[in-house]
């Protein structure tokens, strides 16, 4: 079982990942790398003991059902990671993840019933009381339904206490659908280089991802995040000393932090720059 150790009560908790990648859109432009992004990230996370649920090229009903089933499996204290690669859009300051049957979305109102509301999904996950929830969204590509309340990219979001949201690019900006590898999108290609590194927090991982993306894109794309984590979260915490026991409770791989952070900012030079959309 994918698990981590809690020194306070010797309980075992599960590291769970839900990954979705959509390429084959019926209405809007098809994408090249999103299914590869989800599949390659799944391989990385399995190697560091995540229990993985993965779906590719899903309709709305399939996405909704997969998310609901995954959510039902979350136990208190689990470490949860949610990843989506595909089209995303905003309407009325809400962010939506687009299924491949986007031809059913013809008005803004359709988004409420034919696309996945990111904020509602995050809140439903946090209602299960995980130790932490990490949302990584490589989907800031365009706005599907044009109107006065629509703009490119995704909208700023509020992180629920104990959660972290990482975006592929700035708020209200579109991510580049390009790849230097010919297999993965720009953001995910750098995420794959760092996400399984031992003894790095998710914040430290995102410093390196942000720096790599900005360098490769010549500063045309900057990943952002919002965070209200209550613990230092390690996806791959390891010890070289067999006698080592952590001083703080760790669940999955989060460690209690003495200074909870509401919103963090990361920069490529000083490692301080806001990841928010």
C-alpha atoms as a PDB file:
ATOM      1  CA  UNK A   1       0.000   0.000   0.000  1.00  0.00           C
ATOM      2  CA  UNK A   2       1.209   3.526  -0.745  1.00  0.00           C
ATOM      3  CA  UNK A   3       1.733   4.900   2.712  1.00  0.00           C
ATOM      4  CA  UNK A   4       3.638   7.106   5.085  1.00  0.00           C
ATOM      5  CA  UNK A   5       4.458   6.864   8.791  1.00  0.00           C
ATOM      6  CA  UNK A   6       3.019   8.955  11.593  1.00  0.00           C
ATOM      7  CA  UNK A   7       5.403   9.024  14.535  1.00  0.00           C
ATOM      8  CA  UNK A   8       2.735  10.322  16.914  1.00  0.00           C
ATOM      9  CA  UNK A   9       0.383   7.347  16.762  1.00  0.00           C
ATOM     10  CA  UNK A  10       2.052   4.782  14.458  1.00  0.00           C
ATOM     11  CA  UNK A  11      -0.859   5.067  12.021  1.00  0.00           C
ATOM     12  CA  UNK A  12      -0.369   4.438   8.335  1.00  0.00           C
ATOM     13  CA  UNK A  13      -1.815   6.863   5.805  1.00  0.00           C
ATOM     14  CA  UNK A  14      -2.085   6.616   2.063  1.00  0.00           C
ATOM     15  CA  UNK A  15      -0.625   8.881  -0.596  1.00  0.00           C
ATOM     16  CA  UNK A  16      -3.317   9.120  -3.284  1.00  0.00           C
ATOM     17  CA  UNK A  17      -3.107  10.655  -6.744  1.00  0.00           C
ATOM     18  CA  UNK A  18      -5.836  11.381  -9.297  1.00  0.00           C
ATOM     19  CA  UNK A  19      -4.477  12.287 -12.733  1.00  0.00           C
ATOM     20  CA  UNK A  20      -6.484  13.259 -15.818  1.00  0.00           C
ATOM     21  CA  UNK A  21      -5.165  14.193 -19.265  1.00  0.00           C
ATOM     22  CA  UNK A  22      -7.412  15.213 -22.165  1.00  0.00           C
ATOM     23  CA  UNK A  23      -6.242  15.625 -25.782  1.00  0.00           C
ATOM     24  CA  UNK A  24      -9.131  14.778 -28.095  1.00  0.00           C
ATOM     25  CA  UNK A  25     -11.481  17.733 -27.805  1.00  0.00           C
ATOM     26  CA  UNK A  26     -14.475  17.629 -30.113  1.00  0.00           C
ATOM     27  CA  UNK A  27     -15.063  21.377 -30.464  1.00  0.00           C
ATOM     28  CA  UNK A  28     -11.951  23.300 -29.494  1.00  0.00           C
ATOM     29  CA  UNK A  29      -8.462  22.674 -30.759  1.00  0.00           C
ATOM     30  CA  UNK A  30      -7.034  19.275 -29.894  1.00  0.00           C
ATOM     31  CA  UNK A  31      -3.967  19.081 -27.674  1.00  0.00           C
ATOM     32  CA  UNK A  32      -0.836  17.005 -28.174  1.00  0.00           C
ATOM     33  CA  UNK A  33       0.766  16.224 -24.841  1.00  0.00           C
ATOM     34  CA  UNK A  34      -1.882  16.008 -22.112  1.00  0.00           C
ATOM     35  CA  UNK A  35      -2.413  12.245 -22.068  1.00  0.00           C
ATOM     36  CA  UNK A  36       1.369  11.734 -22.025  1.00  0.00           C
ATOM     37  CA  UNK A  37       1.597  14.239 -19.175  1.00  0.00           C
ATOM     38  CA  UNK A  38      -0.854  12.290 -17.031  1.00  0.00           C
ATOM     39  CA  UNK A  39       0.640   8.895 -17.869  1.00  0.00           C
ATOM     40  CA  UNK A  40       4.254   9.952 -17.295  1.00  0.00           C
ATOM     41  CA  UNK A  41       3.414  11.687 -14.018  1.00  0.00           C
ATOM     42  CA  UNK A  42       1.576   8.552 -12.888  1.00  0.00           C
ATOM     43  CA  UNK A  43       4.754   6.505 -13.421  1.00  0.00           C
ATOM     44  CA  UNK A  44       6.805   8.962 -11.375  1.00  0.00           C
ATOM     45  CA  UNK A  45       4.323   9.046  -8.509  1.00  0.00           C
ATOM     46  CA  UNK A  46       3.939   5.256  -8.361  1.00  0.00           C
ATOM     47  CA  UNK A  47       7.705   4.985  -7.844  1.00  0.00           C
ATOM     48  CA  UNK A  48       7.382   7.122  -4.704  1.00  0.00           C
ATOM     49  CA  UNK A  49       4.518   5.044  -3.341  1.00  0.00           C
ATOM     50  CA  UNK A  50       1.456   6.923  -4.523  1.00  0.00           C
ATOM     51  CA  UNK A  51      -1.719   4.954  -5.128  1.00  0.00           C
ATOM     52  CA  UNK A  52      -2.759   6.227  -8.562  1.00  0.00           C
ATOM     53  CA  UNK A  53      -6.082   6.682 -10.328  1.00  0.00           C
ATOM     54  CA  UNK A  54      -5.654   7.876 -13.924  1.00  0.00           C
ATOM     55  CA  UNK A  55      -7.993   8.745 -16.783  1.00  0.00           C
ATOM     56  CA  UNK A  56      -7.357  10.051 -20.297  1.00  0.00           C
ATOM     57  CA  UNK A  57      -9.656  11.624 -22.897  1.00  0.00           C
ATOM     58  CA  UNK A  58     -12.685  11.636 -20.615  1.00  0.00           C
ATOM     59  CA  UNK A  59     -16.178  12.991 -21.172  1.00  0.00           C
ATOM     60  CA  UNK A  60     -17.844  15.108 -18.496  1.00  0.00           C
ATOM     61  CA  UNK A  61     -19.724  12.146 -17.043  1.00  0.00           C
ATOM     62  CA  UNK A  62     -16.538  10.078 -16.932  1.00  0.00           C
ATOM     63  CA  UNK A  63     -14.561  12.866 -15.250  1.00  0.00           C
ATOM     64  CA  UNK A  64     -17.311  13.562 -12.729  1.00  0.00           C
ATOM     65  CA  UNK A  65     -17.687   9.876 -11.861  1.00  0.00           C
ATOM     66  CA  UNK A  66     -13.919   9.317 -11.555  1.00  0.00           C
ATOM     67  CA  UNK A  67     -13.507  12.320  -9.256  1.00  0.00           C
ATOM     68  CA  UNK A  68     -16.443  11.236  -7.086  1.00  0.00           C
ATOM     69  CA  UNK A  69     -15.136   7.662  -6.800  1.00  0.00           C
ATOM     70  CA  UNK A  70     -11.632   8.898  -5.965  1.00  0.00           C
ATOM     71  CA  UNK A  71     -12.991  11.296  -3.367  1.00  0.00           C
ATOM     72  CA  UNK A  72     -14.901   8.506  -1.638  1.00  0.00           C
ATOM     73  CA  UNK A  73     -11.608   6.620  -1.102  1.00  0.00           C
ATOM     74  CA  UNK A  74      -9.884   9.461   0.750  1.00  0.00           C
ATOM     75  CA  UNK A  75      -9.434   8.772   4.458  1.00  0.00           C
ATOM     76  CA  UNK A  76      -8.629  11.343   7.136  1.00  0.00           C
ATOM     77  CA  UNK A  77      -4.890  12.017   7.123  1.00  0.00           C
ATOM     78  CA  UNK A  78      -4.241  10.879   3.549  1.00  0.00           C
ATOM     79  CA  UNK A  79      -2.009  12.974   1.318  1.00  0.00           C
ATOM     80  CA  UNK A  80      -3.890  13.827  -1.891  1.00  0.00           C
ATOM     81  CA  UNK A  81      -2.509  14.987  -5.242  1.00  0.00           C
ATOM     82  CA  UNK A  82      -4.836  16.022  -8.096  1.00  0.00           C
ATOM     83  CA  UNK A  83      -3.422  16.714 -11.578  1.00  0.00           C
ATOM     84  CA  UNK A  84      -5.201  17.855 -14.710  1.00  0.00           C
ATOM     85  CA  UNK A  85      -3.760  18.526 -18.167  1.00  0.00           C
ATOM     86  CA  UNK A  86      -6.094  19.771 -20.860  1.00  0.00           C
ATOM     87  CA  UNK A  87      -8.244  22.784 -21.619  1.00  0.00           C
ATOM     88  CA  UNK A  88      -9.405  25.002 -18.797  1.00  0.00           C
ATOM     89  CA  UNK A  89     -11.406  28.205 -18.676  1.00  0.00           C
ATOM     90  CA  UNK A  90     -12.925  30.716 -16.317  1.00  0.00           C
ATOM     91  CA  UNK A  91     -16.362  32.233 -16.077  1.00  0.00           C
ATOM     92  CA  UNK A  92     -17.641  34.657 -13.459  1.00  0.00           C
ATOM     93  CA  UNK A  93     -14.417  34.205 -11.441  1.00  0.00           C
ATOM     94  CA  UNK A  94     -14.836  30.408 -11.346  1.00  0.00           C
ATOM     95  CA  UNK A  95     -12.421  27.959 -12.960  1.00  0.00           C
ATOM     96  CA  UNK A  96     -13.534  24.940 -14.948  1.00  0.00           C
ATOM     97  CA  UNK A  97     -11.718  21.861 -16.267  1.00  0.00           C
ATOM     98  CA  UNK A  98     -12.951  20.888 -19.709  1.00  0.00           C
ATOM     99  CA  UNK A  99     -13.987  17.364 -20.736  1.00  0.00           C
ATOM    100  CA  UNK A 100     -13.468  16.156 -24.295  1.00  0.00           C
ATOM    101  CA  UNK A 101     -17.200  16.448 -25.088  1.00  0.00           C
ATOM    102  CA  UNK A 102     -16.888  20.242 -25.057  1.00  0.00           C
ATOM    103  CA  UNK A 103     -19.235  20.433 -28.034  1.00  0.00           C
ATOM    104  CA  UNK A 104     -22.051  20.242 -25.474  1.00  0.00           C
ATOM    105  CA  UNK A 105     -20.962  23.577 -23.995  1.00  0.00           C
ATOM    106  CA  UNK A 106     -22.495  26.403 -25.982  1.00  0.00           C
ATOM    107  CA  UNK A 107     -23.212  29.007 -23.271  1.00  0.00           C
ATOM    108  CA  UNK A 108     -21.556  30.103 -20.037  1.00  0.00           C
ATOM    109  CA  UNK A 109     -24.334  28.478 -18.042  1.00  0.00           C
ATOM    110  CA  UNK A 110     -23.480  25.116 -19.605  1.00  0.00           C
ATOM    111  CA  UNK A 111     -20.154  25.220 -17.783  1.00  0.00           C
ATOM    112  CA  UNK A 112     -21.914  24.604 -14.469  1.00  0.00           C
ATOM    113  CA  UNK A 113     -23.344  21.314 -15.749  1.00  0.00           C
ATOM    114  CA  UNK A 114     -20.861  20.178 -18.420  1.00  0.00           C
ATOM    115  CA  UNK A 115     -17.452  21.014 -16.921  1.00  0.00           C
ATOM    116  CA  UNK A 116     -15.633  20.402 -13.629  1.00  0.00           C
ATOM    117  CA  UNK A 117     -15.664  23.266 -11.123  1.00  0.00           C
ATOM    118  CA  UNK A 118     -12.162  23.383  -9.624  1.00  0.00           C
ATOM    119  CA  UNK A 119     -13.073  25.201  -6.393  1.00  0.00           C
ATOM    120  CA  UNK A 120     -15.948  22.822  -5.667  1.00  0.00           C
ATOM    121  CA  UNK A 121     -13.678  19.835  -6.359  1.00  0.00           C
ATOM    122  CA  UNK A 122     -11.034  21.167  -3.963  1.00  0.00           C
ATOM    123  CA  UNK A 123     -13.611  21.820  -1.251  1.00  0.00           C
ATOM    124  CA  UNK A 124     -15.056  18.326  -1.629  1.00  0.00           C
ATOM    125  CA  UNK A 125     -11.574  16.818  -1.281  1.00  0.00           C
ATOM    126  CA  UNK A 126     -10.849  18.884   1.833  1.00  0.00           C
ATOM    127  CA  UNK A 127     -14.167  17.800   3.356  1.00  0.00           C
ATOM    128  CA  UNK A 128     -12.590  14.319   3.556  1.00  0.00           C
ATOM    129  CA  UNK A 129      -9.967  15.763   5.941  1.00  0.00           C
ATOM    130  CA  UNK A 130      -6.715  14.791   4.209  1.00  0.00           C
ATOM    131  CA  UNK A 131      -3.457  15.906   5.800  1.00  0.00           C
ATOM    132  CA  UNK A 132      -2.909  18.047   2.681  1.00  0.00           C
ATOM    133  CA  UNK A 133      -4.247  18.350  -0.858  1.00  0.00           C
ATOM    134  CA  UNK A 134      -2.068  19.396  -3.792  1.00  0.00           C
ATOM    135  CA  UNK A 135      -3.779  20.509  -7.009  1.00  0.00           C
ATOM    136  CA  UNK A 136      -1.564  20.884 -10.098  1.00  0.00           C
ATOM    137  CA  UNK A 137      -3.355  22.386 -13.095  1.00  0.00           C
ATOM    138  CA  UNK A 138      -1.670  22.395 -16.499  1.00  0.00           C
ATOM    139  CA  UNK A 139      -4.731  23.728 -18.243  1.00  0.00           C
ATOM    140  CA  UNK A 140      -4.521  27.517 -18.608  1.00  0.00           C
ATOM    141  CA  UNK A 141      -4.857  27.454 -22.372  1.00  0.00           C
ATOM    142  CA  UNK A 142      -7.891  29.457 -23.428  1.00  0.00           C
ATOM    143  CA  UNK A 143     -11.430  30.573 -22.674  1.00  0.00           C
ATOM    144  CA  UNK A 144     -14.151  28.495 -24.295  1.00  0.00           C
ATOM    145  CA  UNK A 145     -17.172  30.753 -24.197  1.00  0.00           C
ATOM    146  CA  UNK A 146     -16.536  34.402 -24.978  1.00  0.00           C
ATOM    147  CA  UNK A 147     -18.342  37.110 -23.062  1.00  0.00           C
ATOM    148  CA  UNK A 148     -17.866  40.048 -20.695  1.00  0.00           C
ATOM    149  CA  UNK A 149     -17.110  37.759 -17.741  1.00  0.00           C
ATOM    150  CA  UNK A 150     -14.623  35.571 -19.657  1.00  0.00           C
ATOM    151  CA  UNK A 151     -10.901  36.035 -20.186  1.00  0.00           C
ATOM    152  CA  UNK A 152      -7.947  33.877 -21.108  1.00  0.00           C
ATOM    153  CA  UNK A 153      -6.412  31.480 -18.646  1.00  0.00           C
ATOM    154  CA  UNK A 154      -7.722  30.707 -15.178  1.00  0.00           C
ATOM    155  CA  UNK A 155      -8.972  33.027 -12.466  1.00  0.00           C
ATOM    156  CA  UNK A 156      -7.379  33.606  -9.040  1.00  0.00           C
ATOM    157  CA  UNK A 157      -8.514  31.023  -6.496  1.00  0.00           C
ATOM    158  CA  UNK A 158      -8.725  30.782  -2.746  1.00  0.00           C
ATOM    159  CA  UNK A 159      -6.818  27.869  -1.272  1.00  0.00           C
ATOM    160  CA  UNK A 160      -8.768  26.015   1.405  1.00  0.00           C
ATOM    161  CA  UNK A 161      -6.790  25.534   4.644  1.00  0.00           C
ATOM    162  CA  UNK A 162      -4.393  22.631   4.148  1.00  0.00           C
ATOM    163  CA  UNK A 163      -4.288  22.893   0.361  1.00  0.00           C
ATOM    164  CA  UNK A 164      -1.842  23.937  -2.353  1.00  0.00           C
ATOM    165  CA  UNK A 165      -2.792  24.916  -5.917  1.00  0.00           C
ATOM    166  CA  UNK A 166      -0.141  25.129  -8.624  1.00  0.00           C
ATOM    167  CA  UNK A 167      -0.919  26.605 -12.042  1.00  0.00           C
ATOM    168  CA  UNK A 168       1.026  26.310 -15.279  1.00  0.00           C
ATOM    169  CA  UNK A 169       1.054  30.079 -15.839  1.00  0.00           C
ATOM    170  CA  UNK A 170      -0.026  33.474 -14.514  1.00  0.00           C
ATOM    171  CA  UNK A 171      -3.622  34.349 -13.746  1.00  0.00           C
ATOM    172  CA  UNK A 172      -5.572  35.366 -16.857  1.00  0.00           C
ATOM    173  CA  UNK A 173      -2.739  34.156 -19.106  1.00  0.00           C
ATOM    174  CA  UNK A 174      -2.628  31.276 -21.578  1.00  0.00           C
ATOM    175  CA  UNK A 175      -0.021  28.531 -21.204  1.00  0.00           C
ATOM    176  CA  UNK A 176       2.181  27.667 -24.160  1.00  0.00           C
ATOM    177  CA  UNK A 177       1.170  24.415 -25.845  1.00  0.00           C
ATOM    178  CA  UNK A 178       4.764  23.666 -26.727  1.00  0.00           C
ATOM    179  CA  UNK A 179       7.286  20.992 -25.881  1.00  0.00           C
ATOM    180  CA  UNK A 180      11.058  20.782 -26.061  1.00  0.00           C
ATOM    181  CA  UNK A 181      10.862  17.022 -25.508  1.00  0.00           C
ATOM    182  CA  UNK A 182       8.203  16.272 -28.122  1.00  0.00           C
ATOM    183  CA  UNK A 183       6.311  14.293 -25.480  1.00  0.00           C
ATOM    184  CA  UNK A 184       5.272  16.547 -22.591  1.00  0.00           C
ATOM    185  CA  UNK A 185       3.959  20.081 -22.221  1.00  0.00           C
ATOM    186  CA  UNK A 186       6.284  22.794 -20.946  1.00  0.00           C
ATOM    187  CA  UNK A 187       5.019  22.918 -17.352  1.00  0.00           C
ATOM    188  CA  UNK A 188       4.678  19.165 -16.908  1.00  0.00           C
ATOM    189  CA  UNK A 189       8.060  18.426 -18.475  1.00  0.00           C
ATOM    190  CA  UNK A 190       9.696  20.434 -15.691  1.00  0.00           C
ATOM    191  CA  UNK A 191       7.375  18.992 -13.072  1.00  0.00           C
ATOM    192  CA  UNK A 192       8.507  15.508 -14.109  1.00  0.00           C
ATOM    193  CA  UNK A 193      12.141  16.480 -13.546  1.00  0.00           C
ATOM    194  CA  UNK A 194      11.585  17.424  -9.913  1.00  0.00           C
ATOM    195  CA  UNK A 195       8.449  15.893  -8.416  1.00  0.00           C
ATOM    196  CA  UNK A 196      10.088  12.666  -7.229  1.00  0.00           C
ATOM    197  CA  UNK A 197      13.225  14.272  -5.777  1.00  0.00           C
ATOM    198  CA  UNK A 198      13.798  13.052  -2.210  1.00  0.00           C
ATOM    199  CA  UNK A 199      13.364  15.301   0.809  1.00  0.00           C
ATOM    200  CA  UNK A 200      12.046  18.345  -1.039  1.00  0.00           C
ATOM    201  CA  UNK A 201       8.836  20.076  -0.003  1.00  0.00           C
ATOM    202  CA  UNK A 202       6.216  20.849  -2.621  1.00  0.00           C
ATOM    203  CA  UNK A 203       7.245  24.500  -2.290  1.00  0.00           C
ATOM    204  CA  UNK A 204      10.873  23.648  -3.096  1.00  0.00           C
ATOM    205  CA  UNK A 205       9.779  21.503  -6.025  1.00  0.00           C
ATOM    206  CA  UNK A 206       7.768  24.396  -7.420  1.00  0.00           C
ATOM    207  CA  UNK A 207      10.717  26.801  -7.070  1.00  0.00           C
ATOM    208  CA  UNK A 208      12.667  24.581  -9.463  1.00  0.00           C
ATOM    209  CA  UNK A 209       9.701  24.056 -11.797  1.00  0.00           C
ATOM    210  CA  UNK A 210       9.051  27.796 -11.995  1.00  0.00           C
ATOM    211  CA  UNK A 211      12.693  28.560 -12.682  1.00  0.00           C
ATOM    212  CA  UNK A 212      12.950  25.906 -15.417  1.00  0.00           C
ATOM    213  CA  UNK A 213       9.733  26.940 -17.166  1.00  0.00           C
ATOM    214  CA  UNK A 214      10.650  30.619 -17.168  1.00  0.00           C
ATOM    215  CA  UNK A 215      14.123  29.939 -18.503  1.00  0.00           C
ATOM    216  CA  UNK A 216      12.858  27.713 -21.304  1.00  0.00           C
ATOM    217  CA  UNK A 217      10.039  30.120 -22.203  1.00  0.00           C
ATOM    218  CA  UNK A 218      12.290  33.202 -22.048  1.00  0.00           C
ATOM    219  CA  UNK A 219      10.055  34.573 -19.281  1.00  0.00           C
ATOM    220  CA  UNK A 220       6.915  34.288 -21.443  1.00  0.00           C
ATOM    221  CA  UNK A 221       5.336  31.801 -19.028  1.00  0.00           C
ATOM    222  CA  UNK A 222       5.527  31.831 -15.237  1.00  0.00           C
ATOM    223  CA  UNK A 223       3.925  29.121 -13.096  1.00  0.00           C
ATOM    224  CA  UNK A 224       1.963  30.404 -10.100  1.00  0.00           C
ATOM    225  CA  UNK A 225       0.607  28.965  -6.886  1.00  0.00           C
ATOM    226  CA  UNK A 226      -1.609  29.686  -3.948  1.00  0.00           C
ATOM    227  CA  UNK A 227      -0.972  27.857  -0.704  1.00  0.00           C
ATOM    228  CA  UNK A 228      -2.498  27.570   2.719  1.00  0.00           C
ATOM    229  CA  UNK A 229      -0.597  24.466   3.769  1.00  0.00           C
ATOM    230  CA  UNK A 230      -0.438  23.876   7.494  1.00  0.00           C
ATOM    231  CA  UNK A 231       2.525  21.516   7.212  1.00  0.00           C
ATOM    232  CA  UNK A 232       5.688  21.149   5.200  1.00  0.00           C
ATOM    233  CA  UNK A 233       4.632  18.617   2.582  1.00  0.00           C
ATOM    234  CA  UNK A 234       7.199  16.142   1.268  1.00  0.00           C
ATOM    235  CA  UNK A 235       6.117  13.904  -1.582  1.00  0.00           C
ATOM    236  CA  UNK A 236       9.184  11.669  -1.248  1.00  0.00           C
ATOM    237  CA  UNK A 237      10.583  11.967   2.258  1.00  0.00           C
ATOM    238  CA  UNK A 238      13.464   9.603   2.880  1.00  0.00           C
ATOM    239  CA  UNK A 239      16.061   9.063   5.571  1.00  0.00           C
ATOM    240  CA  UNK A 240      19.570   7.718   5.133  1.00  0.00           C
ATOM    241  CA  UNK A 241      19.732   6.865   8.848  1.00  0.00           C
ATOM    242  CA  UNK A 242      17.776   3.731   9.789  1.00  0.00           C
ATOM    243  CA  UNK A 243      17.553   4.916  13.382  1.00  0.00           C
ATOM    244  CA  UNK A 244      16.022   8.242  12.382  1.00  0.00           C
ATOM    245  CA  UNK A 245      12.583   9.065  13.705  1.00  0.00           C
ATOM    246  CA  UNK A 246      10.902  12.328  12.666  1.00  0.00           C
ATOM    247  CA  UNK A 247      10.408  14.898  15.416  1.00  0.00           C
ATOM    248  CA  UNK A 248       7.067  15.958  13.990  1.00  0.00           C
ATOM    249  CA  UNK A 249       4.079  13.968  12.815  1.00  0.00           C
ATOM    250  CA  UNK A 250       4.321  13.053   9.137  1.00  0.00           C
ATOM    251  CA  UNK A 251       1.348  11.896   7.131  1.00  0.00           C
ATOM    252  CA  UNK A 252       2.098  10.683   3.616  1.00  0.00           C
ATOM    253  CA  UNK A 253       5.110  12.959   3.771  1.00  0.00           C
ATOM    254  CA  UNK A 254       3.881  16.228   5.266  1.00  0.00           C
ATOM    255  CA  UNK A 255       5.697  17.538   8.334  1.00  0.00           C
ATOM    256  CA  UNK A 256       4.217  20.043  10.764  1.00  0.00           C
ATOM    257  CA  UNK A 257       5.443  23.590  10.134  1.00  0.00           C
ATOM    258  CA  UNK A 258       5.646  26.170  12.893  1.00  0.00           C
ATOM    259  CA  UNK A 259       4.602  28.973  10.533  1.00  0.00           C
ATOM    260  CA  UNK A 260       1.536  28.155   8.436  1.00  0.00           C
ATOM    261  CA  UNK A 261       1.462  30.098   5.149  1.00  0.00           C
ATOM    262  CA  UNK A 262      -1.643  31.518   3.568  1.00  0.00           C
ATOM    263  CA  UNK A 263      -0.216  32.743   0.273  1.00  0.00           C
ATOM    264  CA  UNK A 264       3.323  32.134  -0.953  1.00  0.00           C
ATOM    265  CA  UNK A 265       5.202  33.935  -3.660  1.00  0.00           C
ATOM    266  CA  UNK A 266       7.997  32.427  -5.779  1.00  0.00           C
ATOM    267  CA  UNK A 267      10.566  34.156  -7.982  1.00  0.00           C
ATOM    268  CA  UNK A 268      13.203  32.506 -10.125  1.00  0.00           C
ATOM    269  CA  UNK A 269      15.981  34.635  -8.665  1.00  0.00           C
ATOM    270  CA  UNK A 270      15.051  34.828  -4.986  1.00  0.00           C
ATOM    271  CA  UNK A 271      12.693  31.830  -4.867  1.00  0.00           C
ATOM    272  CA  UNK A 272       9.832  34.138  -3.887  1.00  0.00           C
ATOM    273  CA  UNK A 273       6.986  34.436  -6.469  1.00  0.00           C
ATOM    274  CA  UNK A 274       3.235  34.221  -6.089  1.00  0.00           C
ATOM    275  CA  UNK A 275       1.657  31.158  -7.630  1.00  0.00           C
ATOM    276  CA  UNK A 276      -1.966  32.265  -7.801  1.00  0.00           C
ATOM    277  CA  UNK A 277      -4.641  32.270 -10.431  1.00  0.00           C
END
